[in-house]
Amino acid sequence: MNNWGLLKTKCDRNNYRIFTNNDLKWVEFIQRAKATGMSLSKIVDTLHYGNKDVKL
């Protein structure tokens, strides 16, 4: 999901990604959207149309 621009995570010194609670909520939203049959490109368009910075 990082390659699609859906999450902007940070990495620790061992190069492990650090996910916030808000990141995990976005992942859950994306999974629910995909479960309805929405394509990942449509999800990207939808998220970029809206304000991704809004907390879920």
N, C-alpha and C. Protein backbone atom coordinates (compact mmCIF):
# COMPACT_ATOMS: atom_id res chain seq x y z
N MET A 1 0.82 -1.20 0.00
CA MET A 1 0.00 0.00 0.00
C MET A 1 0.86 1.26 0.00
N ASN A 2 2.07 1.12 0.49
CA ASN A 2 2.96 2.27 0.46
C ASN A 2 3.28 2.69 -0.96
N ASN A 3 3.44 1.71 -1.86
CA ASN A 3 3.78 2.03 -3.25
C ASN A 3 2.66 2.77 -3.96
N TRP A 4 1.43 2.65 -3.49
CA TRP A 4 0.28 3.32 -4.09
C TRP A 4 0.08 4.70 -3.49
N GLY A 5 0.84 5.06 -2.49
CA GLY A 5 0.68 6.37 -1.86
C GLY A 5 -0.44 6.41 -0.84
N LEU A 6 -0.86 5.24 -0.36
CA LEU A 6 -1.96 5.20 0.59
C LEU A 6 -1.49 5.41 2.02
N LEU A 7 -0.29 5.00 2.32
CA LEU A 7 0.26 5.16 3.67
C LEU A 7 1.63 5.79 3.57
N LYS A 8 1.88 6.69 4.47
CA LYS A 8 3.20 7.29 4.56
C LYS A 8 3.75 6.96 5.94
N THR A 9 4.37 5.79 6.04
CA THR A 9 4.87 5.32 7.32
C THR A 9 6.33 5.73 7.51
N LYS A 10 6.74 5.72 8.75
CA LYS A 10 8.14 5.97 9.08
C LYS A 10 8.79 4.63 9.39
N CYS A 11 10.10 4.61 9.34
CA CYS A 11 10.84 3.40 9.67
C CYS A 11 11.73 3.65 10.87
N ASP A 12 11.94 2.59 11.66
CA ASP A 12 12.86 2.72 12.78
C ASP A 12 14.29 2.49 12.29
N ARG A 13 15.23 2.47 13.19
CA ARG A 13 16.63 2.37 12.76
C ARG A 13 16.97 1.02 12.14
N ASN A 14 16.11 0.00 12.37
CA ASN A 14 16.31 -1.31 11.76
C ASN A 14 15.54 -1.44 10.45
N ASN A 15 14.97 -0.33 9.99
CA ASN A 15 14.21 -0.26 8.75
C ASN A 15 12.87 -0.99 8.80
N TYR A 16 12.35 -1.21 10.03
CA TYR A 16 11.01 -1.74 10.19
C TYR A 16 10.03 -0.58 10.13
N ARG A 17 8.91 -0.79 9.45
CA ARG A 17 7.90 0.27 9.38
C ARG A 17 7.20 0.44 10.72
N ILE A 18 6.92 1.67 11.04
CA ILE A 18 6.20 2.00 12.27
C ILE A 18 4.81 2.46 11.86
N PHE A 19 3.79 1.75 12.32
CA PHE A 19 2.41 2.08 12.00
C PHE A 19 1.73 2.71 13.21
N THR A 20 1.05 3.82 12.97
CA THR A 20 0.27 4.46 14.02
C THR A 20 -1.12 3.82 14.05
N ASN A 21 -1.89 4.14 15.09
CA ASN A 21 -3.27 3.66 15.14
C ASN A 21 -4.06 4.17 13.95
N ASN A 22 -3.81 5.41 13.54
CA ASN A 22 -4.50 5.97 12.38
C ASN A 22 -4.13 5.22 11.10
N ASP A 23 -2.87 4.82 10.97
CA ASP A 23 -2.46 4.01 9.81
C ASP A 23 -3.25 2.71 9.77
N LEU A 24 -3.40 2.06 10.92
CA LEU A 24 -4.13 0.80 10.98
C LEU A 24 -5.60 0.98 10.63
N LYS A 25 -6.18 2.12 11.02
CA LYS A 25 -7.57 2.40 10.65
C LYS A 25 -7.70 2.57 9.14
N TRP A 26 -6.70 3.20 8.51
CA TRP A 26 -6.72 3.34 7.05
C TRP A 26 -6.62 1.98 6.37
N VAL A 27 -5.78 1.10 6.91
CA VAL A 27 -5.66 -0.24 6.34
C VAL A 27 -7.00 -0.97 6.45
N GLU A 28 -7.66 -0.85 7.59
CA GLU A 28 -8.97 -1.48 7.76
C GLU A 28 -9.98 -0.91 6.76
N PHE A 29 -9.96 0.41 6.57
CA PHE A 29 -10.87 1.03 5.60
C PHE A 29 -10.60 0.50 4.20
N ILE A 30 -9.34 0.43 3.83
CA ILE A 30 -8.96 -0.05 2.49
C ILE A 30 -9.40 -1.49 2.30
N GLN A 31 -9.23 -2.31 3.33
CA GLN A 31 -9.65 -3.71 3.24
C GLN A 31 -11.17 -3.81 3.07
N ARG A 32 -11.92 -2.99 3.81
CA ARG A 32 -13.38 -3.00 3.67
C ARG A 32 -13.79 -2.54 2.28
N ALA A 33 -13.13 -1.51 1.76
CA ALA A 33 -13.45 -1.02 0.41
C ALA A 33 -13.16 -2.09 -0.63
N LYS A 34 -12.03 -2.79 -0.48
CA LYS A 34 -11.69 -3.87 -1.42
C LYS A 34 -12.70 -5.00 -1.33
N ALA A 35 -13.22 -5.27 -0.12
CA ALA A 35 -14.19 -6.35 0.07
C ALA A 35 -15.50 -6.06 -0.66
N THR A 36 -15.78 -4.79 -0.91
CA THR A 36 -17.00 -4.43 -1.65
C THR A 36 -16.79 -4.54 -3.16
N GLY A 37 -15.56 -4.85 -3.56
CA GLY A 37 -15.26 -4.98 -4.98
C GLY A 37 -14.58 -3.76 -5.57
N MET A 38 -14.31 -2.76 -4.75
CA MET A 38 -13.65 -1.55 -5.23
C MET A 38 -12.19 -1.87 -5.56
N SER A 39 -11.74 -1.41 -6.71
CA SER A 39 -10.35 -1.64 -7.10
C SER A 39 -9.42 -0.72 -6.29
N LEU A 40 -8.18 -1.14 -6.19
CA LEU A 40 -7.21 -0.34 -5.44
C LEU A 40 -7.01 1.02 -6.10
N SER A 41 -7.04 1.07 -7.42
CA SER A 41 -6.88 2.37 -8.09
C SER A 41 -8.06 3.29 -7.80
N LYS A 42 -9.27 2.74 -7.68
CA LYS A 42 -10.44 3.55 -7.34
C LYS A 42 -10.35 4.03 -5.89
N ILE A 43 -9.83 3.18 -5.00
CA ILE A 43 -9.64 3.59 -3.60
C ILE A 43 -8.64 4.74 -3.54
N VAL A 44 -7.56 4.64 -4.31
CA VAL A 44 -6.55 5.70 -4.35
C VAL A 44 -7.20 7.00 -4.83
N ASP A 45 -7.98 6.92 -5.91
CA ASP A 45 -8.66 8.11 -6.42
C ASP A 45 -9.58 8.72 -5.37
N THR A 46 -10.33 7.86 -4.68
CA THR A 46 -11.26 8.33 -3.65
C THR A 46 -10.52 9.00 -2.51
N LEU A 47 -9.44 8.40 -2.06
CA LEU A 47 -8.68 8.97 -0.94
C LEU A 47 -7.99 10.27 -1.32
N HIS A 48 -7.51 10.35 -2.55
CA HIS A 48 -6.85 11.59 -2.99
C HIS A 48 -7.86 12.70 -3.26
N TYR A 49 -9.11 12.31 -3.60
CA TYR A 49 -10.17 13.30 -3.79
C TYR A 49 -10.55 13.93 -2.46
N GLY A 50 -10.64 13.09 -1.45
CA GLY A 50 -10.97 13.58 -0.10
C GLY A 50 -9.72 14.03 0.62
N ASN A 51 -9.84 14.20 1.89
CA ASN A 51 -8.71 14.65 2.71
C ASN A 51 -8.24 13.47 3.55
N LYS A 52 -7.14 12.83 3.15
CA LYS A 52 -6.62 11.66 3.85
C LYS A 52 -6.16 12.01 5.27
N ASP A 53 -5.88 13.26 5.54
CA ASP A 53 -5.39 13.64 6.85
C ASP A 53 -6.47 13.62 7.93
N VAL A 54 -7.73 13.47 7.52
CA VAL A 54 -8.82 13.43 8.49
C VAL A 54 -8.72 12.13 9.25
N LYS A 55 -8.80 12.19 10.58
CA LYS A 55 -8.73 10.99 11.39
C LYS A 55 -10.04 10.22 11.30
N LEU A 56 -9.94 8.89 11.20
CA LEU A 56 -11.14 8.05 11.14
C LEU A 56 -11.66 7.76 12.52
